[in-house]
Amino acid sequence: MESNTSSGNCTDPQMSFQSTLYATTYTLIFIPGLLANSAALWVLCRFISKKSKAVIFMINLAVADLAHVLSLPLRMYYYINHSWPFGSFLCQVCFYLKYLNMYASICFLTCISIQRYLFLLHPFKAKDWKRRYDAAISAAVWLFVGAACLPLLVVRSPALSNSTNTCFSDLGVKQLSPGASIALVTVAELFGFVIPFGIIA
């Protein structure tokens, strides 16, 4: 676990390397991610009248990725300057978007896999499937994932840090009981990775 006060220690070689690595990685992700997801959204929305069955899920997948990509410049600024001048609310929004993107993307990929499997299994039912069903499922996914990620804002928060200028990996960590920690990690791994991986595979 990262030290909560490490952001202010710019002379620490380990922290300097870590910050450089984060900033470089986010820079390399930002431009391709912005272009690719913007292009994907344009193509999917322009051809939404076509009969691709998974287009609604793919649009939501691109939206989830783009929302996180748009927050990367703020992450880059933080790791380059070792300071967060944008306030605790924006810090929590960016922190929240990372996990919202991760779990929403997994859920939409799972939805695409399930839908394709069912349509291959029952090809005649695919003809009667309405886009509004996919829209309703997508709304349910956003609500579920959005609510499921809210506890992360309690566990990691600027209010728990020793400095008001820290964010992301330097956020304070709320001390939980061993049982609560195990339960939180187990639920996140089970529903966020194990079950979706089993379905997609």
N, C-alpha and C. Protein backbone atom coordinates (compact mmCIF):
# COMPACT_ATOMS: atom_id res chain seq x y z
N MET A 1 0.85 -1.20 0.00
CA MET A 1 0.00 0.00 0.00
C MET A 1 0.88 1.23 0.00
N GLU A 2 0.56 2.21 -0.85
CA GLU A 2 1.39 3.39 -0.94
C GLU A 2 1.24 4.24 0.31
N SER A 3 2.30 4.95 0.64
CA SER A 3 2.27 5.88 1.77
C SER A 3 1.37 7.05 1.44
N ASN A 4 0.58 7.48 2.44
CA ASN A 4 -0.37 8.56 2.21
C ASN A 4 0.30 9.92 2.08
N THR A 5 1.55 10.03 2.53
CA THR A 5 2.24 11.32 2.50
C THR A 5 3.35 11.35 1.46
N SER A 6 3.43 10.32 0.66
CA SER A 6 4.56 10.20 -0.25
C SER A 6 4.54 11.21 -1.36
N SER A 7 3.38 11.79 -1.68
CA SER A 7 3.31 12.71 -2.80
C SER A 7 4.13 13.96 -2.57
N GLY A 8 4.33 14.31 -1.31
CA GLY A 8 5.08 15.51 -1.03
C GLY A 8 6.58 15.27 -1.01
N ASN A 9 7.03 14.02 -1.08
CA ASN A 9 8.44 13.69 -1.01
C ASN A 9 8.98 13.47 -2.41
N CYS A 10 9.35 14.54 -3.09
CA CYS A 10 9.77 14.45 -4.48
C CYS A 10 11.20 13.95 -4.62
N THR A 11 11.98 13.89 -3.49
CA THR A 11 13.36 13.47 -3.56
C THR A 11 13.51 11.97 -3.41
N ASP A 12 12.46 11.27 -3.05
CA ASP A 12 12.50 9.82 -2.90
C ASP A 12 12.63 9.20 -4.29
N PRO A 13 13.74 8.51 -4.59
CA PRO A 13 13.94 7.95 -5.93
C PRO A 13 12.83 6.98 -6.34
N GLN A 14 12.36 6.17 -5.38
CA GLN A 14 11.31 5.21 -5.69
C GLN A 14 10.03 5.92 -6.10
N MET A 15 9.65 6.97 -5.34
CA MET A 15 8.43 7.70 -5.67
C MET A 15 8.59 8.49 -6.96
N SER A 16 9.80 9.01 -7.21
CA SER A 16 10.06 9.73 -8.45
C SER A 16 9.91 8.80 -9.64
N PHE A 17 10.44 7.59 -9.52
CA PHE A 17 10.30 6.60 -10.60
C PHE A 17 8.84 6.22 -10.80
N GLN A 18 8.13 6.02 -9.68
CA GLN A 18 6.72 5.63 -9.76
C GLN A 18 5.90 6.73 -10.44
N SER A 19 6.13 7.96 -10.06
CA SER A 19 5.39 9.08 -10.66
C SER A 19 5.69 9.21 -12.15
N THR A 20 6.96 9.05 -12.51
CA THR A 20 7.35 9.10 -13.93
C THR A 20 6.69 7.98 -14.72
N LEU A 21 6.66 6.80 -14.12
CA LEU A 21 6.05 5.64 -14.78
C LEU A 21 4.56 5.88 -15.00
N TYR A 22 3.86 6.36 -13.96
CA TYR A 22 2.43 6.65 -14.08
C TYR A 22 2.17 7.70 -15.16
N ALA A 23 2.92 8.80 -15.10
CA ALA A 23 2.71 9.90 -16.05
C ALA A 23 2.96 9.45 -17.49
N THR A 24 4.03 8.67 -17.68
CA THR A 24 4.36 8.17 -19.02
C THR A 24 3.29 7.22 -19.54
N THR A 25 2.86 6.31 -18.66
CA THR A 25 1.84 5.33 -19.06
C THR A 25 0.54 6.01 -19.43
N TYR A 26 0.10 6.96 -18.61
CA TYR A 26 -1.16 7.66 -18.89
C TYR A 26 -1.06 8.49 -20.17
N THR A 27 0.12 9.05 -20.43
CA THR A 27 0.30 9.82 -21.67
C THR A 27 0.19 8.91 -22.89
N LEU A 28 0.80 7.73 -22.80
CA LEU A 28 0.75 6.78 -23.91
C LEU A 28 -0.66 6.24 -24.15
N ILE A 29 -1.45 6.17 -23.07
CA ILE A 29 -2.82 5.66 -23.20
C ILE A 29 -3.77 6.74 -23.69
N PHE A 30 -3.54 7.99 -23.26
CA PHE A 30 -4.53 9.05 -23.49
C PHE A 30 -4.83 9.31 -24.96
N ILE A 31 -3.81 9.60 -25.76
CA ILE A 31 -4.06 9.99 -27.16
C ILE A 31 -4.68 8.85 -27.97
N PRO A 32 -4.10 7.63 -27.96
CA PRO A 32 -4.75 6.54 -28.70
C PRO A 32 -6.14 6.22 -28.15
N GLY A 33 -6.28 6.28 -26.82
CA GLY A 33 -7.58 5.98 -26.21
C GLY A 33 -8.64 6.98 -26.60
N LEU A 34 -8.27 8.26 -26.61
CA LEU A 34 -9.21 9.32 -26.99
C LEU A 34 -9.63 9.17 -28.45
N LEU A 35 -8.67 8.96 -29.33
CA LEU A 35 -8.97 8.82 -30.76
C LEU A 35 -9.78 7.57 -31.05
N ALA A 36 -9.37 6.44 -30.46
CA ALA A 36 -10.03 5.17 -30.74
C ALA A 36 -11.47 5.15 -30.23
N ASN A 37 -11.68 5.62 -29.01
CA ASN A 37 -13.03 5.59 -28.45
C ASN A 37 -13.94 6.63 -29.08
N SER A 38 -13.39 7.79 -29.43
CA SER A 38 -14.20 8.79 -30.13
C SER A 38 -14.62 8.28 -31.50
N ALA A 39 -13.68 7.65 -32.21
CA ALA A 39 -13.99 7.08 -33.52
C ALA A 39 -15.01 5.96 -33.40
N ALA A 40 -14.85 5.12 -32.37
CA ALA A 40 -15.79 4.01 -32.16
C ALA A 40 -17.19 4.53 -31.90
N LEU A 41 -17.30 5.57 -31.06
CA LEU A 41 -18.62 6.15 -30.78
C LEU A 41 -19.24 6.74 -32.03
N TRP A 42 -18.43 7.43 -32.84
CA TRP A 42 -18.95 8.04 -34.07
C TRP A 42 -19.47 6.97 -35.02
N VAL A 43 -18.70 5.91 -35.20
CA VAL A 43 -19.11 4.83 -36.11
C VAL A 43 -20.36 4.13 -35.59
N LEU A 44 -20.36 3.80 -34.30
CA LEU A 44 -21.49 3.06 -33.73
C LEU A 44 -22.77 3.89 -33.75
N CYS A 45 -22.67 5.17 -33.43
CA CYS A 45 -23.87 6.01 -33.41
C CYS A 45 -24.36 6.32 -34.82
N ARG A 46 -23.43 6.47 -35.76
CA ARG A 46 -23.82 6.78 -37.13
C ARG A 46 -24.52 5.59 -37.78
N PHE A 47 -24.10 4.39 -37.42
CA PHE A 47 -24.67 3.20 -38.04
C PHE A 47 -25.57 2.44 -37.07
N ILE A 48 -26.14 3.17 -36.09
CA ILE A 48 -26.99 2.52 -35.10
C ILE A 48 -28.25 1.95 -35.72
N SER A 49 -28.65 2.47 -36.87
CA SER A 49 -29.85 1.95 -37.53
C SER A 49 -29.59 0.60 -38.20
N LYS A 50 -28.32 0.23 -38.34
CA LYS A 50 -28.00 -1.08 -38.90
C LYS A 50 -28.45 -2.16 -37.92
N LYS A 51 -28.41 -3.40 -38.37
CA LYS A 51 -29.01 -4.47 -37.58
C LYS A 51 -28.00 -5.26 -36.75
N SER A 52 -26.93 -4.62 -36.36
CA SER A 52 -25.99 -5.27 -35.46
C SER A 52 -26.64 -5.37 -34.08
N LYS A 53 -26.72 -6.58 -33.57
CA LYS A 53 -27.49 -6.81 -32.35
C LYS A 53 -26.82 -6.26 -31.09
N ALA A 54 -25.50 -6.19 -31.08
CA ALA A 54 -24.80 -5.79 -29.86
C ALA A 54 -24.40 -4.32 -29.85
N VAL A 55 -24.95 -3.52 -30.77
CA VAL A 55 -24.47 -2.15 -30.93
C VAL A 55 -24.70 -1.30 -29.69
N ILE A 56 -25.80 -1.51 -28.98
CA ILE A 56 -26.09 -0.73 -27.77
C ILE A 56 -25.04 -1.01 -26.70
N PHE A 57 -24.71 -2.28 -26.52
CA PHE A 57 -23.68 -2.64 -25.53
C PHE A 57 -22.32 -2.08 -25.94
N MET A 58 -22.01 -2.10 -27.23
CA MET A 58 -20.73 -1.58 -27.70
C MET A 58 -20.63 -0.07 -27.51
N ILE A 59 -21.75 0.63 -27.71
CA ILE A 59 -21.77 2.08 -27.47
C ILE A 59 -21.50 2.37 -25.99
N ASN A 60 -22.15 1.64 -25.12
CA ASN A 60 -21.94 1.83 -23.68
C ASN A 60 -20.52 1.47 -23.27
N LEU A 61 -19.95 0.46 -23.90
CA LEU A 61 -18.56 0.09 -23.64
C LEU A 61 -17.62 1.23 -24.03
N ALA A 62 -17.86 1.84 -25.18
CA ALA A 62 -17.04 2.96 -25.63
C ALA A 62 -17.21 4.18 -24.73
N VAL A 63 -18.43 4.43 -24.26
CA VAL A 63 -18.69 5.55 -23.35
C VAL A 63 -17.94 5.36 -22.03
N ALA A 64 -17.97 4.14 -21.51
CA ALA A 64 -17.26 3.84 -20.26
C ALA A 64 -15.77 4.09 -20.41
N ASP A 65 -15.20 3.62 -21.51
CA ASP A 65 -13.77 3.82 -21.75
C ASP A 65 -13.43 5.30 -21.94
N LEU A 66 -14.27 6.01 -22.70
CA LEU A 66 -14.00 7.42 -22.99
C LEU A 66 -14.08 8.27 -21.73
N ALA A 67 -15.01 7.95 -20.84
CA ALA A 67 -15.15 8.71 -19.59
C ALA A 67 -13.86 8.63 -18.77
N HIS A 68 -13.27 7.45 -18.72
CA HIS A 68 -12.02 7.29 -17.98
C HIS A 68 -10.86 7.97 -18.70
N VAL A 69 -10.81 7.82 -20.01
CA VAL A 69 -9.73 8.43 -20.80
C VAL A 69 -9.71 9.95 -20.61
N LEU A 70 -10.89 10.57 -20.54
CA LEU A 70 -10.96 12.03 -20.40
C LEU A 70 -10.42 12.52 -19.06
N SER A 71 -10.36 11.61 -18.07
CA SER A 71 -9.82 11.99 -16.76
C SER A 71 -8.30 11.83 -16.69
N LEU A 72 -7.70 11.20 -17.69
CA LEU A 72 -6.27 10.92 -17.64
C LEU A 72 -5.38 12.16 -17.61
N PRO A 73 -5.72 13.26 -18.32
CA PRO A 73 -4.86 14.45 -18.21
C PRO A 73 -4.69 14.96 -16.78
N LEU A 74 -5.73 14.82 -15.97
CA LEU A 74 -5.63 15.24 -14.57
C LEU A 74 -4.69 14.32 -13.79
N ARG A 75 -4.73 13.04 -14.12
CA ARG A 75 -3.80 12.09 -13.49
C ARG A 75 -2.36 12.42 -13.91
N MET A 76 -2.19 12.70 -15.19
CA MET A 76 -0.86 13.06 -15.69
C MET A 76 -0.34 14.30 -14.97
N TYR A 77 -1.19 15.31 -14.80
CA TYR A 77 -0.79 16.54 -14.11
C TYR A 77 -0.34 16.23 -12.69
N TYR A 78 -1.10 15.38 -12.01
CA TYR A 78 -0.78 15.08 -10.61
C TYR A 78 0.58 14.39 -10.47
N TYR A 79 0.83 13.39 -11.31
CA TYR A 79 2.07 12.64 -11.17
C TYR A 79 3.28 13.41 -11.70
N ILE A 80 3.06 14.39 -12.55
CA ILE A 80 4.16 15.24 -13.02
C ILE A 80 4.50 16.32 -11.99
N ASN A 81 3.46 16.91 -11.39
CA ASN A 81 3.66 18.04 -10.47
C ASN A 81 3.63 17.66 -9.00
N HIS A 82 3.25 16.42 -8.69
CA HIS A 82 3.21 15.94 -7.30
C HIS A 82 2.30 16.80 -6.43
N SER A 83 1.25 17.32 -7.03
CA SER A 83 0.31 18.16 -6.29
C SER A 83 -1.05 18.10 -6.96
N TRP A 84 -2.11 18.23 -6.16
CA TRP A 84 -3.48 18.20 -6.68
C TRP A 84 -4.20 19.48 -6.27
N PRO A 85 -4.30 20.47 -7.16
CA PRO A 85 -4.93 21.75 -6.82
C PRO A 85 -6.40 21.84 -7.19
N PHE A 86 -7.00 20.73 -7.63
CA PHE A 86 -8.35 20.77 -8.20
C PHE A 86 -9.47 20.45 -7.21
N GLY A 87 -9.13 20.25 -5.95
CA GLY A 87 -10.16 20.01 -4.95
C GLY A 87 -10.48 18.54 -4.76
N SER A 88 -11.03 18.21 -3.60
CA SER A 88 -11.30 16.82 -3.25
C SER A 88 -12.42 16.21 -4.09
N PHE A 89 -13.41 17.03 -4.49
CA PHE A 89 -14.54 16.48 -5.25
C PHE A 89 -14.07 15.93 -6.60
N LEU A 90 -13.28 16.72 -7.33
CA LEU A 90 -12.80 16.28 -8.64
C LEU A 90 -11.85 15.10 -8.50
N CYS A 91 -11.09 15.07 -7.41
CA CYS A 91 -10.22 13.93 -7.14
C CYS A 91 -11.05 12.65 -7.01
N GLN A 92 -12.13 12.72 -6.24
CA GLN A 92 -12.97 11.55 -6.05
C GLN A 92 -13.69 11.15 -7.33
N VAL A 93 -14.07 12.13 -8.14
CA VAL A 93 -14.71 11.82 -9.42
C VAL A 93 -13.76 11.04 -10.31
N CYS A 94 -12.51 11.50 -10.43
CA CYS A 94 -11.52 10.81 -11.26
C CYS A 94 -11.21 9.43 -10.71
N PHE A 95 -11.09 9.34 -9.39
CA PHE A 95 -10.82 8.05 -8.75
C PHE A 95 -11.98 7.08 -9.00
N TYR A 96 -13.20 7.59 -8.88
CA TYR A 96 -14.41 6.78 -9.09
C TYR A 96 -14.53 6.32 -10.54
N LEU A 97 -14.20 7.21 -11.48
CA LEU A 97 -14.32 6.87 -12.91
C LEU A 97 -13.43 5.71 -13.30
N LYS A 98 -12.27 5.59 -12.67
CA LYS A 98 -11.36 4.49 -12.99
C LYS A 98 -12.04 3.15 -12.74
N TYR A 99 -12.66 3.00 -11.57
CA TYR A 99 -13.29 1.73 -11.22
C TYR A 99 -14.63 1.55 -11.92
N LEU A 100 -15.34 2.66 -12.13
CA LEU A 100 -16.59 2.58 -12.89
C LEU A 100 -16.31 2.07 -14.29
N ASN A 101 -15.27 2.60 -14.92
CA ASN A 101 -14.88 2.15 -16.26
C ASN A 101 -14.50 0.68 -16.26
N MET A 102 -13.69 0.29 -15.30
CA MET A 102 -13.20 -1.09 -15.26
C MET A 102 -14.33 -2.10 -15.13
N TYR A 103 -15.21 -1.88 -14.15
CA TYR A 103 -16.28 -2.85 -13.92
C TYR A 103 -17.41 -2.74 -14.95
N ALA A 104 -17.71 -1.53 -15.41
CA ALA A 104 -18.73 -1.38 -16.45
C ALA A 104 -18.28 -2.04 -17.75
N SER A 105 -17.00 -1.87 -18.10
CA SER A 105 -16.48 -2.49 -19.32
C SER A 105 -16.58 -4.01 -19.24
N ILE A 106 -16.23 -4.55 -18.09
CA ILE A 106 -16.33 -6.00 -17.91
C ILE A 106 -17.77 -6.46 -18.06
N CYS A 107 -18.70 -5.72 -17.47
CA CYS A 107 -20.12 -6.10 -17.55
C CYS A 107 -20.65 -6.03 -18.98
N PHE A 108 -20.28 -5.00 -19.72
CA PHE A 108 -20.78 -4.88 -21.10
C PHE A 108 -20.15 -5.92 -22.01
N LEU A 109 -18.89 -6.27 -21.79
CA LEU A 109 -18.29 -7.36 -22.55
C LEU A 109 -18.99 -8.68 -22.25
N THR A 110 -19.38 -8.86 -20.99
CA THR A 110 -20.12 -10.06 -20.60
C THR A 110 -21.49 -10.08 -21.27
N CYS A 111 -22.16 -8.93 -21.31
CA CYS A 111 -23.47 -8.84 -21.97
C CYS A 111 -23.37 -9.19 -23.45
N ILE A 112 -22.33 -8.69 -24.11
CA ILE A 112 -22.12 -9.00 -25.53
C ILE A 112 -21.92 -10.49 -25.73
N SER A 113 -21.12 -11.11 -24.87
CA SER A 113 -20.85 -12.55 -24.98
C SER A 113 -22.11 -13.37 -24.75
N ILE A 114 -22.89 -13.01 -23.73
CA ILE A 114 -24.12 -13.75 -23.44
C ILE A 114 -25.11 -13.60 -24.59
N GLN A 115 -25.25 -12.38 -25.09
CA GLN A 115 -26.21 -12.15 -26.18
C GLN A 115 -25.83 -12.94 -27.43
N ARG A 116 -24.58 -12.92 -27.79
CA ARG A 116 -24.15 -13.65 -28.99
C ARG A 116 -24.35 -15.16 -28.82
N TYR A 117 -24.07 -15.65 -27.63
CA TYR A 117 -24.26 -17.08 -27.37
C TYR A 117 -25.73 -17.45 -27.48
N LEU A 118 -26.60 -16.65 -26.86
CA LEU A 118 -28.04 -16.95 -26.90
C LEU A 118 -28.61 -16.84 -28.31
N PHE A 119 -28.12 -15.87 -29.08
CA PHE A 119 -28.63 -15.71 -30.45
C PHE A 119 -28.14 -16.83 -31.36
N LEU A 120 -26.96 -17.37 -31.07
CA LEU A 120 -26.50 -18.54 -31.83
C LEU A 120 -27.28 -19.78 -31.44
N LEU A 121 -27.66 -19.83 -30.16
CA LEU A 121 -28.41 -20.98 -29.67
C LEU A 121 -29.86 -20.93 -30.13
N HIS A 122 -30.43 -19.72 -30.17
CA HIS A 122 -31.83 -19.54 -30.58
C HIS A 122 -31.89 -18.46 -31.67
N PRO A 123 -31.49 -18.78 -32.89
CA PRO A 123 -31.40 -17.76 -33.95
C PRO A 123 -32.73 -17.11 -34.31
N PHE A 124 -33.82 -17.82 -34.16
CA PHE A 124 -35.12 -17.25 -34.52
C PHE A 124 -35.58 -16.20 -33.51
N LYS A 125 -35.18 -16.38 -32.24
CA LYS A 125 -35.54 -15.39 -31.22
C LYS A 125 -34.77 -14.08 -31.42
N ALA A 126 -33.62 -14.17 -32.06
CA ALA A 126 -32.82 -12.97 -32.29
C ALA A 126 -33.57 -11.96 -33.16
N LYS A 127 -34.39 -12.46 -34.08
CA LYS A 127 -35.14 -11.58 -34.97
C LYS A 127 -36.18 -10.75 -34.21
N ASP A 128 -36.68 -11.30 -33.11
CA ASP A 128 -37.71 -10.61 -32.33
C ASP A 128 -37.14 -9.73 -31.22
N TRP A 129 -35.82 -9.78 -31.05
CA TRP A 129 -35.19 -9.02 -29.97
C TRP A 129 -35.21 -7.52 -30.29
N LYS A 130 -35.63 -6.73 -29.35
CA LYS A 130 -35.75 -5.28 -29.55
C LYS A 130 -34.56 -4.54 -28.94
N ARG A 131 -34.18 -3.46 -29.58
CA ARG A 131 -33.07 -2.66 -29.07
C ARG A 131 -33.38 -2.07 -27.70
N ARG A 132 -34.64 -1.84 -27.43
CA ARG A 132 -34.99 -1.25 -26.13
C ARG A 132 -34.67 -2.21 -24.99
N TYR A 133 -34.64 -3.52 -25.28
CA TYR A 133 -34.24 -4.48 -24.25
C TYR A 133 -32.77 -4.26 -23.89
N ASP A 134 -31.93 -4.06 -24.90
CA ASP A 134 -30.52 -3.80 -24.65
C ASP A 134 -30.32 -2.48 -23.91
N ALA A 135 -31.13 -1.48 -24.26
CA ALA A 135 -31.04 -0.18 -23.58
C ALA A 135 -31.41 -0.32 -22.11
N ALA A 136 -32.44 -1.11 -21.82
CA ALA A 136 -32.87 -1.33 -20.43
C ALA A 136 -31.80 -2.09 -19.66
N ILE A 137 -31.20 -3.11 -20.29
CA ILE A 137 -30.13 -3.87 -19.64
C ILE A 137 -28.93 -2.96 -19.38
N SER A 138 -28.62 -2.10 -20.33
CA SER A 138 -27.48 -1.18 -20.17
C SER A 138 -27.71 -0.22 -19.01
N ALA A 139 -28.93 0.31 -18.91
CA ALA A 139 -29.26 1.20 -17.80
C ALA A 139 -29.11 0.48 -16.46
N ALA A 140 -29.55 -0.78 -16.42
CA ALA A 140 -29.44 -1.57 -15.19
C ALA A 140 -27.97 -1.81 -14.84
N VAL A 141 -27.15 -2.06 -15.85
CA VAL A 141 -25.71 -2.27 -15.62
C VAL A 141 -25.08 -1.01 -15.02
N TRP A 142 -25.39 0.16 -15.60
CA TRP A 142 -24.83 1.41 -15.07
C TRP A 142 -25.26 1.66 -13.63
N LEU A 143 -26.53 1.40 -13.34
CA LEU A 143 -27.03 1.61 -11.97
C LEU A 143 -26.35 0.65 -11.00
N PHE A 144 -26.24 -0.61 -11.39
CA PHE A 144 -25.64 -1.62 -10.52
C PHE A 144 -24.16 -1.33 -10.27
N VAL A 145 -23.42 -1.10 -11.35
CA VAL A 145 -21.98 -0.85 -11.22
C VAL A 145 -21.73 0.47 -10.50
N GLY A 146 -22.52 1.49 -10.83
CA GLY A 146 -22.36 2.78 -10.17
C GLY A 146 -22.55 2.68 -8.66
N ALA A 147 -23.58 1.94 -8.25
CA ALA A 147 -23.84 1.76 -6.82
C ALA A 147 -22.77 0.88 -6.18
N ALA A 148 -22.33 -0.15 -6.89
CA ALA A 148 -21.33 -1.08 -6.34
C ALA A 148 -19.98 -0.40 -6.13
N CYS A 149 -19.67 0.63 -6.91
CA CYS A 149 -18.39 1.33 -6.79
C CYS A 149 -18.39 2.43 -5.72
N LEU A 150 -19.57 2.80 -5.24
CA LEU A 150 -19.65 3.87 -4.24
C LEU A 150 -18.86 3.61 -2.96
N PRO A 151 -18.85 2.36 -2.44
CA PRO A 151 -18.05 2.11 -1.22
C PRO A 151 -16.58 2.46 -1.37
N LEU A 152 -16.07 2.45 -2.59
CA LEU A 152 -14.66 2.80 -2.81
C LEU A 152 -14.38 4.24 -2.40
N LEU A 153 -15.39 5.11 -2.51
CA LEU A 153 -15.22 6.51 -2.13
C LEU A 153 -15.15 6.68 -0.62
N VAL A 154 -15.63 5.67 0.10
CA VAL A 154 -15.55 5.70 1.56
C VAL A 154 -14.21 5.12 2.02
N VAL A 155 -13.76 4.07 1.33
CA VAL A 155 -12.52 3.39 1.70
C VAL A 155 -11.30 4.24 1.35
N ARG A 156 -11.34 4.92 0.19
CA ARG A 156 -10.23 5.79 -0.23
C ARG A 156 -10.78 7.19 -0.42
N SER A 157 -10.29 8.14 0.35
CA SER A 157 -10.84 9.49 0.32
C SER A 157 -9.77 10.53 0.66
N PRO A 158 -9.83 11.72 0.04
CA PRO A 158 -8.90 12.79 0.41
C PRO A 158 -9.03 13.18 1.88
N ALA A 159 -10.22 12.99 2.45
CA ALA A 159 -10.42 13.34 3.86
C ALA A 159 -9.59 12.47 4.79
N LEU A 160 -9.15 11.30 4.30
CA LEU A 160 -8.35 10.39 5.11
C LEU A 160 -6.85 10.63 4.96
N SER A 161 -6.48 11.57 4.10
CA SER A 161 -5.06 11.85 3.85
C SER A 161 -4.56 12.93 4.81
N ASN A 162 -3.24 12.96 4.97
CA ASN A 162 -2.62 13.98 5.82
C ASN A 162 -2.45 15.30 5.09
N SER A 163 -2.66 15.29 3.78
CA SER A 163 -2.50 16.50 2.98
C SER A 163 -3.70 16.68 2.07
N THR A 164 -4.08 17.93 1.84
CA THR A 164 -5.22 18.22 0.96
C THR A 164 -4.81 18.23 -0.51
N ASN A 165 -3.51 18.10 -0.78
CA ASN A 165 -3.02 18.17 -2.16
C ASN A 165 -2.68 16.80 -2.73
N THR A 166 -3.18 15.74 -2.11
CA THR A 166 -2.90 14.39 -2.60
C THR A 166 -4.13 13.80 -3.28
N CYS A 167 -3.89 12.83 -4.14
CA CYS A 167 -4.99 12.16 -4.84
C CYS A 167 -4.50 10.80 -5.34
N PHE A 168 -5.41 10.02 -5.89
CA PHE A 168 -5.12 8.74 -6.55
C PHE A 168 -4.36 7.77 -5.64
N SER A 169 -3.16 7.35 -6.01
CA SER A 169 -2.45 6.33 -5.23
C SER A 169 -2.04 6.84 -3.85
N ASP A 170 -2.07 8.16 -3.63
CA ASP A 170 -1.68 8.73 -2.34
C ASP A 170 -2.87 9.04 -1.44
N LEU A 171 -4.06 8.65 -1.84
CA LEU A 171 -5.24 8.87 -1.01
C LEU A 171 -5.15 8.06 0.28
N GLY A 172 -5.76 8.62 1.33
CA GLY A 172 -5.81 7.90 2.59
C GLY A 172 -6.68 6.66 2.48
N VAL A 173 -6.39 5.69 3.31
CA VAL A 173 -7.12 4.42 3.30
C VAL A 173 -7.84 4.25 4.63
N LYS A 174 -9.13 4.00 4.56
CA LYS A 174 -9.92 3.77 5.77
C LYS A 174 -9.61 2.39 6.33
N GLN A 175 -9.35 2.32 7.61
CA GLN A 175 -9.06 1.05 8.25
C GLN A 175 -10.35 0.24 8.43
N LEU A 176 -10.39 -0.93 7.83
CA LEU A 176 -11.54 -1.82 7.95
C LEU A 176 -11.17 -3.04 8.77
N SER A 177 -12.16 -3.68 9.31
CA SER A 177 -11.91 -4.93 10.03
C SER A 177 -11.47 -5.99 9.03
N PRO A 178 -10.72 -7.00 9.48
CA PRO A 178 -10.28 -8.06 8.56
C PRO A 178 -11.44 -8.72 7.83
N GLY A 179 -12.56 -8.94 8.54
CA GLY A 179 -13.72 -9.56 7.91
C GLY A 179 -14.30 -8.70 6.80
N ALA A 180 -14.41 -7.39 7.06
CA ALA A 180 -14.95 -6.48 6.05
C ALA A 180 -14.02 -6.38 4.85
N SER A 181 -12.72 -6.35 5.09
CA SER A 181 -11.75 -6.28 3.99
C SER A 181 -11.82 -7.52 3.11
N ILE A 182 -11.89 -8.69 3.75
CA ILE A 182 -11.96 -9.94 2.99
C ILE A 182 -13.25 -10.01 2.19
N ALA A 183 -14.36 -9.59 2.81
CA ALA A 183 -15.66 -9.63 2.12
C ALA A 183 -15.66 -8.69 0.92
N LEU A 184 -15.09 -7.49 1.08
CA LEU A 184 -15.06 -6.50 0.00
C LEU A 184 -14.23 -7.00 -1.18
N VAL A 185 -13.05 -7.54 -0.88
CA VAL A 185 -12.17 -8.04 -1.94
C VAL A 185 -12.78 -9.26 -2.62
N THR A 186 -13.39 -10.15 -1.84
CA THR A 186 -13.99 -11.36 -2.40
C THR A 186 -15.13 -11.03 -3.35
N VAL A 187 -16.02 -10.13 -2.93
CA VAL A 187 -17.15 -9.74 -3.78
C VAL A 187 -16.66 -9.07 -5.06
N ALA A 188 -15.67 -8.18 -4.92
CA ALA A 188 -15.13 -7.47 -6.10
C ALA A 188 -14.49 -8.44 -7.08
N GLU A 189 -13.70 -9.38 -6.57
CA GLU A 189 -13.03 -10.34 -7.45
C GLU A 189 -14.02 -11.32 -8.07
N LEU A 190 -15.00 -11.75 -7.27
CA LEU A 190 -15.96 -12.75 -7.75
C LEU A 190 -16.85 -12.18 -8.85
N PHE A 191 -17.48 -11.04 -8.56
CA PHE A 191 -18.43 -10.47 -9.51
C PHE A 191 -17.76 -9.60 -10.58
N GLY A 192 -16.55 -9.11 -10.27
CA GLY A 192 -15.87 -8.25 -11.22
C GLY A 192 -14.95 -8.98 -12.18
N PHE A 193 -14.51 -10.21 -11.81
CA PHE A 193 -13.55 -10.90 -12.65
C PHE A 193 -13.86 -12.39 -12.84
N VAL A 194 -14.03 -13.11 -11.76
CA VAL A 194 -14.16 -14.57 -11.86
C VAL A 194 -15.39 -14.98 -12.66
N ILE A 195 -16.57 -14.50 -12.25
CA ILE A 195 -17.81 -14.87 -12.95
C ILE A 195 -17.82 -14.35 -14.39
N PRO A 196 -17.50 -13.06 -14.65
CA PRO A 196 -17.45 -12.61 -16.04
C PRO A 196 -16.45 -13.38 -16.89
N PHE A 197 -15.27 -13.68 -16.34
CA PHE A 197 -14.27 -14.44 -17.10
C PHE A 197 -14.79 -15.83 -17.44
N GLY A 198 -15.48 -16.46 -16.47
CA GLY A 198 -16.06 -17.78 -16.73
C GLY A 198 -17.11 -17.74 -17.83
N ILE A 199 -17.90 -16.67 -17.86
CA ILE A 199 -18.94 -16.54 -18.89
C ILE A 199 -18.32 -16.26 -20.26
N ILE A 200 -17.37 -15.32 -20.31
CA ILE A 200 -16.76 -14.94 -21.59
C ILE A 200 -15.93 -16.08 -22.16
N ALA A 201 -15.22 -16.79 -21.28
CA ALA A 201 -14.37 -17.89 -21.74
C ALA A 201 -15.19 -19.06 -22.23
